[in-house]
Amino acid sequence: TSVVNMYAKCGSLPHAEELFCRVRQRCNDDAVLWTTMVTAYSQNGDHRGALRVFHRMIQAGGAAPSDVTMITVLSACCHAGELTAAVDYFRAMGREYGVAVTADHYVCVVDYFARCGDLASAEDLLLNMPFEPDPAAWVALLSACRTSSDWLRGLRAAAAVMELDPHNSAPYSLLAGL
């Protein structure tokens, strides 16, 4: 797994994939190996490749995705422009994959809604998630509000960041651009 990761970090996906396939023949149920390969594609900008590896993982059976796998998958969906897939994976995490949804998973989806310009859904998810949103989640929304010139929602997001982390300078600089 470490060598697969090393190849990926050096940008050599063909070598990473070749070694991954050889190792997988001996231990197809190694979730860390699969997650390493999903992450390898995503880190190298091939987000659709990351999703293909994830599909192979699910089809192969043996290895169950972890919370880290799902964060990488949600992020890959975000960068590949796959909103429907991201929402489907998010909803299926516990039910189909047995992965407990964490605040990090919610933040991935919030960030994705925000990047797609669906600020209402991003804010709604932040307000209704079963966790206390952290400042980073609100900053993601605030940043998107700046891009979309949604100053009212941006003010709400900035107020939330300032309440949670009064020393965080991000809301001030982002508000200046609204």
N, C-alpha and C. Protein backbone atom coordinates (compact mmCIF):
# COMPACT_ATOMS: atom_id res chain seq x y z
N THR A 1 0.83 -1.19 0.00
CA THR A 1 0.00 0.00 0.00
C THR A 1 0.87 1.25 0.00
N SER A 2 1.94 1.24 0.77
CA SER A 2 2.83 2.40 0.83
C SER A 2 3.50 2.67 -0.51
N VAL A 3 3.86 1.62 -1.21
CA VAL A 3 4.53 1.81 -2.51
C VAL A 3 3.52 2.30 -3.55
N VAL A 4 2.29 1.79 -3.50
CA VAL A 4 1.23 2.29 -4.39
C VAL A 4 1.05 3.78 -4.14
N ASN A 5 0.99 4.15 -2.88
CA ASN A 5 0.84 5.56 -2.49
C ASN A 5 2.03 6.39 -2.98
N MET A 6 3.23 5.86 -2.86
CA MET A 6 4.43 6.57 -3.31
C MET A 6 4.38 6.82 -4.81
N TYR A 7 4.03 5.78 -5.58
CA TYR A 7 3.91 5.96 -7.03
C TYR A 7 2.89 7.05 -7.35
N ALA A 8 1.77 7.01 -6.66
CA ALA A 8 0.72 8.00 -6.91
C ALA A 8 1.20 9.41 -6.59
N LYS A 9 1.89 9.57 -5.47
CA LYS A 9 2.38 10.89 -5.09
C LYS A 9 3.44 11.41 -6.06
N CYS A 10 4.10 10.49 -6.75
CA CYS A 10 5.09 10.89 -7.76
C CYS A 10 4.43 11.10 -9.12
N GLY A 11 3.11 10.91 -9.18
CA GLY A 11 2.38 11.13 -10.43
C GLY A 11 2.45 9.96 -11.39
N SER A 12 2.88 8.81 -10.93
CA SER A 12 3.00 7.65 -11.80
C SER A 12 1.82 6.70 -11.59
N LEU A 13 0.66 7.12 -12.07
CA LEU A 13 -0.54 6.29 -11.91
C LEU A 13 -0.43 4.93 -12.60
N PRO A 14 0.18 4.84 -13.79
CA PRO A 14 0.31 3.50 -14.40
C PRO A 14 1.07 2.51 -13.51
N HIS A 15 2.15 2.98 -12.88
CA HIS A 15 2.89 2.09 -11.97
C HIS A 15 2.07 1.77 -10.72
N ALA A 16 1.38 2.78 -10.20
CA ALA A 16 0.53 2.56 -9.03
C ALA A 16 -0.56 1.54 -9.35
N GLU A 17 -1.19 1.69 -10.51
CA GLU A 17 -2.26 0.78 -10.93
C GLU A 17 -1.74 -0.63 -11.14
N GLU A 18 -0.57 -0.75 -11.76
CA GLU A 18 0.03 -2.07 -11.99
C GLU A 18 0.30 -2.79 -10.67
N LEU A 19 0.92 -2.09 -9.73
CA LEU A 19 1.22 -2.70 -8.43
C LEU A 19 -0.08 -3.00 -7.68
N PHE A 20 -1.03 -2.09 -7.74
CA PHE A 20 -2.33 -2.29 -7.10
C PHE A 20 -2.97 -3.58 -7.60
N CYS A 21 -2.96 -3.80 -8.91
CA CYS A 21 -3.57 -5.01 -9.48
C CYS A 21 -2.86 -6.27 -9.01
N ARG A 22 -1.53 -6.21 -8.92
CA ARG A 22 -0.78 -7.39 -8.46
C ARG A 22 -1.08 -7.68 -6.99
N VAL A 23 -1.09 -6.65 -6.15
CA VAL A 23 -1.35 -6.85 -4.72
C VAL A 23 -2.79 -7.29 -4.51
N ARG A 24 -3.70 -6.73 -5.28
CA ARG A 24 -5.12 -7.04 -5.13
C ARG A 24 -5.41 -8.53 -5.39
N GLN A 25 -4.63 -9.16 -6.23
CA GLN A 25 -4.83 -10.59 -6.50
C GLN A 25 -4.65 -11.41 -5.23
N ARG A 26 -3.79 -10.94 -4.33
CA ARG A 26 -3.56 -11.66 -3.08
C ARG A 26 -4.49 -11.23 -1.96
N CYS A 27 -4.90 -9.96 -1.96
CA CYS A 27 -5.73 -9.47 -0.85
C CYS A 27 -6.77 -8.47 -1.37
N ASN A 28 -7.76 -9.00 -2.04
CA ASN A 28 -8.82 -8.18 -2.64
C ASN A 28 -9.69 -7.49 -1.60
N ASP A 29 -9.66 -7.99 -0.36
CA ASP A 29 -10.54 -7.44 0.68
C ASP A 29 -9.85 -6.36 1.52
N ASP A 30 -8.71 -5.86 1.06
CA ASP A 30 -7.97 -4.83 1.80
C ASP A 30 -8.53 -3.45 1.47
N ALA A 31 -9.36 -2.93 2.37
CA ALA A 31 -10.00 -1.63 2.15
C ALA A 31 -8.98 -0.50 2.07
N VAL A 32 -7.88 -0.61 2.81
CA VAL A 32 -6.85 0.43 2.77
C VAL A 32 -6.20 0.47 1.38
N LEU A 33 -5.95 -0.69 0.80
CA LEU A 33 -5.38 -0.75 -0.55
C LEU A 33 -6.32 -0.09 -1.56
N TRP A 34 -7.60 -0.44 -1.50
CA TRP A 34 -8.58 0.15 -2.41
C TRP A 34 -8.67 1.66 -2.20
N THR A 35 -8.75 2.09 -0.96
CA THR A 35 -8.86 3.52 -0.67
C THR A 35 -7.62 4.26 -1.16
N THR A 36 -6.46 3.65 -1.01
CA THR A 36 -5.23 4.25 -1.50
C THR A 36 -5.32 4.49 -3.00
N MET A 37 -5.89 3.54 -3.73
CA MET A 37 -5.97 3.68 -5.19
C MET A 37 -7.03 4.71 -5.58
N VAL A 38 -8.15 4.74 -4.88
CA VAL A 38 -9.17 5.76 -5.14
C VAL A 38 -8.55 7.14 -4.93
N THR A 39 -7.84 7.29 -3.82
CA THR A 39 -7.19 8.56 -3.48
C THR A 39 -6.11 8.91 -4.50
N ALA A 40 -5.38 7.91 -4.97
CA ALA A 40 -4.31 8.15 -5.95
C ALA A 40 -4.87 8.84 -7.19
N TYR A 41 -5.95 8.31 -7.71
CA TYR A 41 -6.55 8.93 -8.90
C TYR A 41 -7.04 10.35 -8.59
N SER A 42 -7.69 10.50 -7.48
CA SER A 42 -8.24 11.81 -7.12
C SER A 42 -7.13 12.84 -6.93
N GLN A 43 -6.07 12.46 -6.23
CA GLN A 43 -4.96 13.39 -5.98
C GLN A 43 -4.24 13.78 -7.26
N ASN A 44 -4.33 12.94 -8.28
CA ASN A 44 -3.68 13.23 -9.55
C ASN A 44 -4.63 13.89 -10.55
N GLY A 45 -5.79 14.32 -10.05
CA GLY A 45 -6.72 15.07 -10.89
C GLY A 45 -7.63 14.23 -11.76
N ASP A 46 -7.53 12.91 -11.67
CA ASP A 46 -8.40 12.04 -12.46
C ASP A 46 -9.56 11.59 -11.56
N HIS A 47 -10.50 12.50 -11.37
CA HIS A 47 -11.59 12.24 -10.43
C HIS A 47 -12.55 11.18 -10.95
N ARG A 48 -12.75 11.14 -12.24
CA ARG A 48 -13.59 10.08 -12.81
C ARG A 48 -12.90 8.73 -12.66
N GLY A 49 -11.58 8.72 -12.77
CA GLY A 49 -10.81 7.50 -12.53
C GLY A 49 -10.98 7.03 -11.10
N ALA A 50 -10.99 7.97 -10.16
CA ALA A 50 -11.20 7.63 -8.74
C ALA A 50 -12.57 6.97 -8.57
N LEU A 51 -13.57 7.52 -9.24
CA LEU A 51 -14.92 6.94 -9.13
C LEU A 51 -14.98 5.56 -9.78
N ARG A 52 -14.24 5.38 -10.89
CA ARG A 52 -14.20 4.05 -11.52
C ARG A 52 -13.58 3.01 -10.58
N VAL A 53 -12.50 3.39 -9.89
CA VAL A 53 -11.86 2.47 -8.94
C VAL A 53 -12.83 2.16 -7.81
N PHE A 54 -13.55 3.16 -7.33
CA PHE A 54 -14.53 2.93 -6.27
C PHE A 54 -15.60 1.94 -6.74
N HIS A 55 -16.08 2.09 -7.97
CA HIS A 55 -17.07 1.15 -8.50
C HIS A 55 -16.49 -0.26 -8.57
N ARG A 56 -15.23 -0.37 -8.99
CA ARG A 56 -14.59 -1.69 -9.02
C ARG A 56 -14.51 -2.28 -7.62
N MET A 57 -14.22 -1.44 -6.64
CA MET A 57 -14.14 -1.88 -5.24
C MET A 57 -15.47 -2.47 -4.80
N ILE A 58 -16.55 -1.77 -5.09
CA ILE A 58 -17.89 -2.23 -4.69
C ILE A 58 -18.25 -3.51 -5.43
N GLN A 59 -17.97 -3.56 -6.73
CA GLN A 59 -18.30 -4.74 -7.52
C GLN A 59 -17.48 -5.96 -7.11
N ALA A 60 -16.24 -5.73 -6.68
CA ALA A 60 -15.36 -6.84 -6.30
C ALA A 60 -15.80 -7.52 -5.01
N GLY A 61 -16.59 -6.80 -4.22
CA GLY A 61 -17.06 -7.42 -2.98
C GLY A 61 -16.11 -7.23 -1.83
N GLY A 62 -15.42 -8.13 -1.40
CA GLY A 62 -14.47 -8.16 -0.30
C GLY A 62 -14.24 -6.96 0.59
N ALA A 63 -13.84 -5.84 0.04
CA ALA A 63 -13.46 -4.67 0.85
C ALA A 63 -14.64 -3.73 1.02
N ALA A 64 -14.86 -3.34 2.26
CA ALA A 64 -15.93 -2.37 2.56
C ALA A 64 -15.32 -0.98 2.61
N PRO A 65 -15.99 0.00 2.01
CA PRO A 65 -15.46 1.36 2.07
C PRO A 65 -15.44 1.89 3.50
N SER A 66 -14.49 2.74 3.79
CA SER A 66 -14.38 3.36 5.11
C SER A 66 -14.88 4.80 5.02
N ASP A 67 -14.87 5.49 6.15
CA ASP A 67 -15.26 6.90 6.13
C ASP A 67 -14.27 7.71 5.28
N VAL A 68 -13.00 7.33 5.29
CA VAL A 68 -12.00 8.02 4.46
C VAL A 68 -12.27 7.77 2.98
N THR A 69 -12.61 6.53 2.63
CA THR A 69 -12.96 6.22 1.25
C THR A 69 -14.09 7.12 0.78
N MET A 70 -15.11 7.26 1.62
CA MET A 70 -16.29 8.03 1.22
C MET A 70 -15.99 9.52 1.12
N ILE A 71 -15.12 10.04 1.97
CA ILE A 71 -14.72 11.45 1.83
C ILE A 71 -14.04 11.66 0.48
N THR A 72 -13.16 10.73 0.11
CA THR A 72 -12.47 10.83 -1.17
C THR A 72 -13.45 10.72 -2.33
N VAL A 73 -14.42 9.82 -2.22
CA VAL A 73 -15.43 9.65 -3.27
C VAL A 73 -16.29 10.90 -3.40
N LEU A 74 -16.73 11.46 -2.28
CA LEU A 74 -17.54 12.68 -2.33
C LEU A 74 -16.74 13.83 -2.93
N SER A 75 -15.49 13.94 -2.55
CA SER A 75 -14.63 14.98 -3.10
C SER A 75 -14.41 14.78 -4.60
N ALA A 76 -14.22 13.53 -5.02
CA ALA A 76 -14.04 13.24 -6.45
C ALA A 76 -15.30 13.61 -7.23
N CYS A 77 -16.46 13.31 -6.66
CA CYS A 77 -17.72 13.71 -7.32
C CYS A 77 -17.77 15.21 -7.49
N CYS A 78 -17.38 15.92 -6.45
CA CYS A 78 -17.38 17.39 -6.47
C CYS A 78 -16.50 17.90 -7.60
N HIS A 79 -15.29 17.40 -7.69
CA HIS A 79 -14.36 17.89 -8.70
C HIS A 79 -14.68 17.38 -10.10
N ALA A 80 -15.43 16.29 -10.20
CA ALA A 80 -15.82 15.76 -11.51
C ALA A 80 -17.14 16.35 -11.99
N GLY A 81 -17.78 17.16 -11.14
CA GLY A 81 -19.05 17.77 -11.53
C GLY A 81 -20.23 16.82 -11.45
N GLU A 82 -20.15 15.85 -10.58
CA GLU A 82 -21.19 14.81 -10.45
C GLU A 82 -22.05 15.05 -9.22
N LEU A 83 -22.91 16.07 -9.26
CA LEU A 83 -23.74 16.42 -8.11
C LEU A 83 -24.69 15.29 -7.73
N THR A 84 -25.38 14.74 -8.72
CA THR A 84 -26.34 13.67 -8.43
C THR A 84 -25.64 12.48 -7.79
N ALA A 85 -24.49 12.11 -8.32
CA ALA A 85 -23.74 10.98 -7.76
C ALA A 85 -23.31 11.28 -6.33
N ALA A 86 -22.84 12.50 -6.08
CA ALA A 86 -22.41 12.87 -4.73
C ALA A 86 -23.55 12.72 -3.74
N VAL A 87 -24.71 13.23 -4.11
CA VAL A 87 -25.88 13.14 -3.21
C VAL A 87 -26.29 11.69 -3.03
N ASP A 88 -26.27 10.91 -4.10
CA ASP A 88 -26.62 9.48 -4.00
C ASP A 88 -25.66 8.73 -3.08
N TYR A 89 -24.36 8.96 -3.24
CA TYR A 89 -23.38 8.30 -2.37
C TYR A 89 -23.57 8.73 -0.93
N PHE A 90 -23.79 10.01 -0.73
CA PHE A 90 -23.99 10.55 0.62
C PHE A 90 -25.17 9.88 1.29
N ARG A 91 -26.27 9.75 0.57
CA ARG A 91 -27.48 9.12 1.13
C ARG A 91 -27.30 7.62 1.36
N ALA A 92 -26.46 6.99 0.55
CA ALA A 92 -26.29 5.53 0.62
C ALA A 92 -25.21 5.10 1.61
N MET A 93 -24.46 6.04 2.16
CA MET A 93 -23.31 5.67 2.98
C MET A 93 -23.64 4.68 4.09
N GLY A 94 -24.59 5.00 4.93
CA GLY A 94 -24.94 4.11 6.03
C GLY A 94 -25.71 2.90 5.57
N ARG A 95 -26.68 3.14 4.72
CA ARG A 95 -27.60 2.09 4.29
C ARG A 95 -26.91 1.03 3.44
N GLU A 96 -26.14 1.44 2.45
CA GLU A 96 -25.55 0.47 1.52
C GLU A 96 -24.11 0.10 1.83
N TYR A 97 -23.36 1.03 2.42
CA TYR A 97 -21.94 0.79 2.63
C TYR A 97 -21.57 0.60 4.09
N GLY A 98 -22.51 0.82 5.00
CA GLY A 98 -22.24 0.65 6.42
C GLY A 98 -21.26 1.65 7.00
N VAL A 99 -21.18 2.83 6.39
CA VAL A 99 -20.26 3.87 6.85
C VAL A 99 -21.06 4.93 7.61
N ALA A 100 -20.66 5.19 8.84
CA ALA A 100 -21.32 6.23 9.63
C ALA A 100 -20.99 7.60 9.05
N VAL A 101 -22.01 8.39 8.83
CA VAL A 101 -21.83 9.72 8.27
C VAL A 101 -21.27 10.64 9.35
N THR A 102 -20.18 11.33 9.02
CA THR A 102 -19.53 12.25 9.96
C THR A 102 -19.73 13.69 9.50
N ALA A 103 -19.31 14.60 10.33
CA ALA A 103 -19.37 16.03 9.98
C ALA A 103 -18.55 16.30 8.71
N ASP A 104 -17.44 15.61 8.55
CA ASP A 104 -16.61 15.81 7.35
C ASP A 104 -17.36 15.46 6.07
N HIS A 105 -18.18 14.41 6.12
CA HIS A 105 -18.97 14.05 4.95
C HIS A 105 -19.98 15.15 4.63
N TYR A 106 -20.62 15.66 5.66
CA TYR A 106 -21.57 16.76 5.46
C TYR A 106 -20.87 17.96 4.84
N VAL A 107 -19.70 18.29 5.36
CA VAL A 107 -18.98 19.46 4.85
C VAL A 107 -18.61 19.27 3.37
N CYS A 108 -18.24 18.05 2.98
CA CYS A 108 -17.96 17.78 1.56
C CYS A 108 -19.17 18.12 0.69
N VAL A 109 -20.34 17.68 1.13
CA VAL A 109 -21.55 17.91 0.35
C VAL A 109 -21.94 19.39 0.39
N VAL A 110 -21.81 20.02 1.55
CA VAL A 110 -22.07 21.47 1.65
C VAL A 110 -21.16 22.22 0.68
N ASP A 111 -19.89 21.89 0.69
CA ASP A 111 -18.93 22.54 -0.20
C ASP A 111 -19.33 22.33 -1.66
N TYR A 112 -19.78 21.13 -1.97
CA TYR A 112 -20.16 20.84 -3.35
C TYR A 112 -21.38 21.65 -3.77
N PHE A 113 -22.42 21.67 -2.93
CA PHE A 113 -23.58 22.50 -3.25
C PHE A 113 -23.15 23.95 -3.46
N ALA A 114 -22.29 24.43 -2.58
CA ALA A 114 -21.84 25.82 -2.67
C ALA A 114 -21.09 26.07 -3.98
N ARG A 115 -20.20 25.16 -4.35
CA ARG A 115 -19.43 25.31 -5.60
C ARG A 115 -20.33 25.29 -6.82
N CYS A 116 -21.42 24.54 -6.73
CA CYS A 116 -22.36 24.45 -7.86
C CYS A 116 -23.32 25.64 -7.90
N GLY A 117 -23.23 26.50 -6.90
CA GLY A 117 -24.10 27.66 -6.87
C GLY A 117 -25.44 27.41 -6.21
N ASP A 118 -25.65 26.21 -5.67
CA ASP A 118 -26.90 25.91 -4.98
C ASP A 118 -26.72 26.28 -3.51
N LEU A 119 -26.68 27.58 -3.27
CA LEU A 119 -26.38 28.08 -1.93
C LEU A 119 -27.50 27.79 -0.95
N ALA A 120 -28.74 27.75 -1.43
CA ALA A 120 -29.87 27.44 -0.54
C ALA A 120 -29.73 26.02 0.01
N SER A 121 -29.38 25.06 -0.84
CA SER A 121 -29.21 23.67 -0.38
C SER A 121 -28.00 23.56 0.55
N ALA A 122 -26.93 24.29 0.24
CA ALA A 122 -25.74 24.26 1.11
C ALA A 122 -26.08 24.79 2.49
N GLU A 123 -26.78 25.92 2.54
CA GLU A 123 -27.13 26.50 3.84
C GLU A 123 -28.12 25.60 4.58
N ASP A 124 -29.08 25.05 3.86
CA ASP A 124 -30.07 24.17 4.49
C ASP A 124 -29.39 22.95 5.10
N LEU A 125 -28.44 22.37 4.39
CA LEU A 125 -27.72 21.21 4.91
C LEU A 125 -26.91 21.59 6.15
N LEU A 126 -26.27 22.75 6.12
CA LEU A 126 -25.52 23.22 7.29
C LEU A 126 -26.42 23.39 8.50
N LEU A 127 -27.58 23.97 8.28
CA LEU A 127 -28.49 24.26 9.39
C LEU A 127 -29.17 23.01 9.94
N ASN A 128 -29.26 21.96 9.12
CA ASN A 128 -30.01 20.77 9.53
C ASN A 128 -29.16 19.53 9.75
N MET A 129 -27.85 19.65 9.62
CA MET A 129 -27.03 18.46 9.85
C MET A 129 -27.00 18.14 11.35
N PRO A 130 -26.82 16.87 11.69
CA PRO A 130 -26.88 16.48 13.11
C PRO A 130 -25.62 16.81 13.90
N PHE A 131 -24.76 17.64 13.33
CA PHE A 131 -23.53 18.06 13.99
C PHE A 131 -23.51 19.58 14.01
N GLU A 132 -22.74 20.13 14.92
CA GLU A 132 -22.52 21.57 14.93
C GLU A 132 -21.55 21.90 13.79
N PRO A 133 -21.98 22.70 12.82
CA PRO A 133 -21.06 23.04 11.72
C PRO A 133 -19.83 23.78 12.26
N ASP A 134 -18.68 23.44 11.73
CA ASP A 134 -17.47 24.13 12.17
C ASP A 134 -17.25 25.37 11.30
N PRO A 135 -16.34 26.24 11.70
CA PRO A 135 -16.11 27.46 10.93
C PRO A 135 -15.76 27.20 9.46
N ALA A 136 -15.01 26.13 9.19
CA ALA A 136 -14.62 25.83 7.80
C ALA A 136 -15.84 25.60 6.92
N ALA A 137 -16.86 24.96 7.46
CA ALA A 137 -18.08 24.72 6.68
C ALA A 137 -18.76 26.03 6.33
N TRP A 138 -18.83 26.92 7.30
CA TRP A 138 -19.45 28.23 7.06
C TRP A 138 -18.60 29.07 6.12
N VAL A 139 -17.29 28.96 6.21
CA VAL A 139 -16.41 29.71 5.30
C VAL A 139 -16.60 29.23 3.86
N ALA A 140 -16.80 27.91 3.68
CA ALA A 140 -17.07 27.39 2.33
C ALA A 140 -18.32 28.05 1.75
N LEU A 141 -19.36 28.14 2.57
CA LEU A 141 -20.60 28.79 2.11
C LEU A 141 -20.35 30.27 1.86
N LEU A 142 -19.67 30.93 2.77
CA LEU A 142 -19.39 32.36 2.63
C LEU A 142 -18.60 32.64 1.35
N SER A 143 -17.62 31.82 1.07
CA SER A 143 -16.81 31.99 -0.14
C SER A 143 -17.68 31.89 -1.39
N ALA A 144 -18.59 30.92 -1.40
CA ALA A 144 -19.50 30.77 -2.54
C ALA A 144 -20.46 31.95 -2.63
N CYS A 145 -20.87 32.48 -1.49
CA CYS A 145 -21.75 33.66 -1.49
C CYS A 145 -21.04 34.85 -2.11
N ARG A 146 -19.76 34.94 -1.86
CA ARG A 146 -18.97 36.02 -2.45
C ARG A 146 -18.94 35.87 -3.96
N THR A 147 -18.69 34.67 -4.44
CA THR A 147 -18.65 34.41 -5.88
C THR A 147 -19.99 34.69 -6.53
N SER A 148 -21.08 34.35 -5.83
CA SER A 148 -22.43 34.52 -6.37
C SER A 148 -23.07 35.86 -6.03
N SER A 149 -22.36 36.69 -5.29
CA SER A 149 -22.88 37.99 -4.85
C SER A 149 -24.16 37.86 -4.04
N ASP A 150 -24.26 36.79 -3.26
CA ASP A 150 -25.42 36.59 -2.38
C ASP A 150 -25.07 37.17 -1.01
N TRP A 151 -25.20 38.48 -0.89
CA TRP A 151 -24.70 39.17 0.30
C TRP A 151 -25.50 38.85 1.56
N LEU A 152 -26.81 38.62 1.44
CA LEU A 152 -27.61 38.34 2.63
C LEU A 152 -27.22 37.00 3.25
N ARG A 153 -27.12 35.99 2.42
CA ARG A 153 -26.70 34.67 2.91
C ARG A 153 -25.24 34.75 3.39
N GLY A 154 -24.44 35.52 2.69
CA GLY A 154 -23.05 35.72 3.08
C GLY A 154 -22.92 36.34 4.46
N LEU A 155 -23.79 37.29 4.76
CA LEU A 155 -23.78 37.90 6.10
C LEU A 155 -24.13 36.88 7.17
N ARG A 156 -25.11 36.02 6.88
CA ARG A 156 -25.47 34.97 7.85
C ARG A 156 -24.30 34.02 8.07
N ALA A 157 -23.65 33.61 6.97
CA ALA A 157 -22.51 32.69 7.08
C ALA A 157 -21.37 33.35 7.85
N ALA A 158 -21.10 34.62 7.55
CA ALA A 158 -20.03 35.34 8.25
C ALA A 158 -20.33 35.45 9.74
N ALA A 159 -21.58 35.74 10.07
CA ALA A 159 -21.96 35.84 11.49
C ALA A 159 -21.74 34.51 12.20
N ALA A 160 -22.06 33.41 11.51
CA ALA A 160 -21.87 32.08 12.12
C ALA A 160 -20.38 31.82 12.37
N VAL A 161 -19.53 32.17 11.40
CA VAL A 161 -18.08 31.97 11.58
C VAL A 161 -17.58 32.81 12.74
N MET A 162 -18.00 34.07 12.78
CA MET A 162 -17.53 34.98 13.83
C MET A 162 -17.98 34.52 15.22
N GLU A 163 -19.16 33.92 15.28
CA GLU A 163 -19.65 33.41 16.56
C GLU A 163 -18.85 32.19 17.01
N LEU A 164 -18.55 31.30 16.07
CA LEU A 164 -17.83 30.07 16.40
C LEU A 164 -16.33 30.32 16.62
N ASP A 165 -15.77 31.25 15.87
CA ASP A 165 -14.32 31.49 15.94
C ASP A 165 -14.05 32.98 15.75
N PRO A 166 -14.20 33.76 16.82
CA PRO A 166 -14.06 35.22 16.71
C PRO A 166 -12.70 35.69 16.19
N HIS A 167 -11.68 34.86 16.27
CA HIS A 167 -10.34 35.26 15.83
C HIS A 167 -10.06 34.87 14.38
N ASN A 168 -11.01 34.24 13.73
CA ASN A 168 -10.86 33.83 12.34
C ASN A 168 -11.00 35.07 11.44
N SER A 169 -10.00 35.36 10.65
CA SER A 169 -10.04 36.55 9.80
C SER A 169 -10.73 36.32 8.46
N ALA A 170 -10.98 35.08 8.10
CA ALA A 170 -11.58 34.77 6.79
C ALA A 170 -12.90 35.50 6.55
N PRO A 171 -13.83 35.52 7.51
CA PRO A 171 -15.10 36.18 7.18
C PRO A 171 -14.94 37.67 6.87
N TYR A 172 -13.99 38.31 7.51
CA TYR A 172 -13.79 39.74 7.27
C TYR A 172 -13.28 40.00 5.85
N SER A 173 -12.30 39.21 5.43
CA SER A 173 -11.77 39.42 4.08
C SER A 173 -12.78 39.00 3.02
N LEU A 174 -13.55 37.94 3.28
CA LEU A 174 -14.56 37.52 2.31
C LEU A 174 -15.72 38.51 2.25
N LEU A 175 -16.09 39.06 3.39
CA LEU A 175 -17.16 40.07 3.40
C LEU A 175 -16.74 41.32 2.63
N ALA A 176 -15.47 41.65 2.70
CA ALA A 176 -14.99 42.84 2.00
C ALA A 176 -15.20 42.72 0.49
N GLY A 177 -15.22 41.49 0.00
CA GLY A 177 -15.41 41.28 -1.44
C GLY A 177 -16.85 41.09 -1.85
N LEU A 178 -17.77 41.10 -0.90
CA LEU A 178 -19.19 40.91 -1.24
C LEU A 178 -19.79 42.16 -1.83
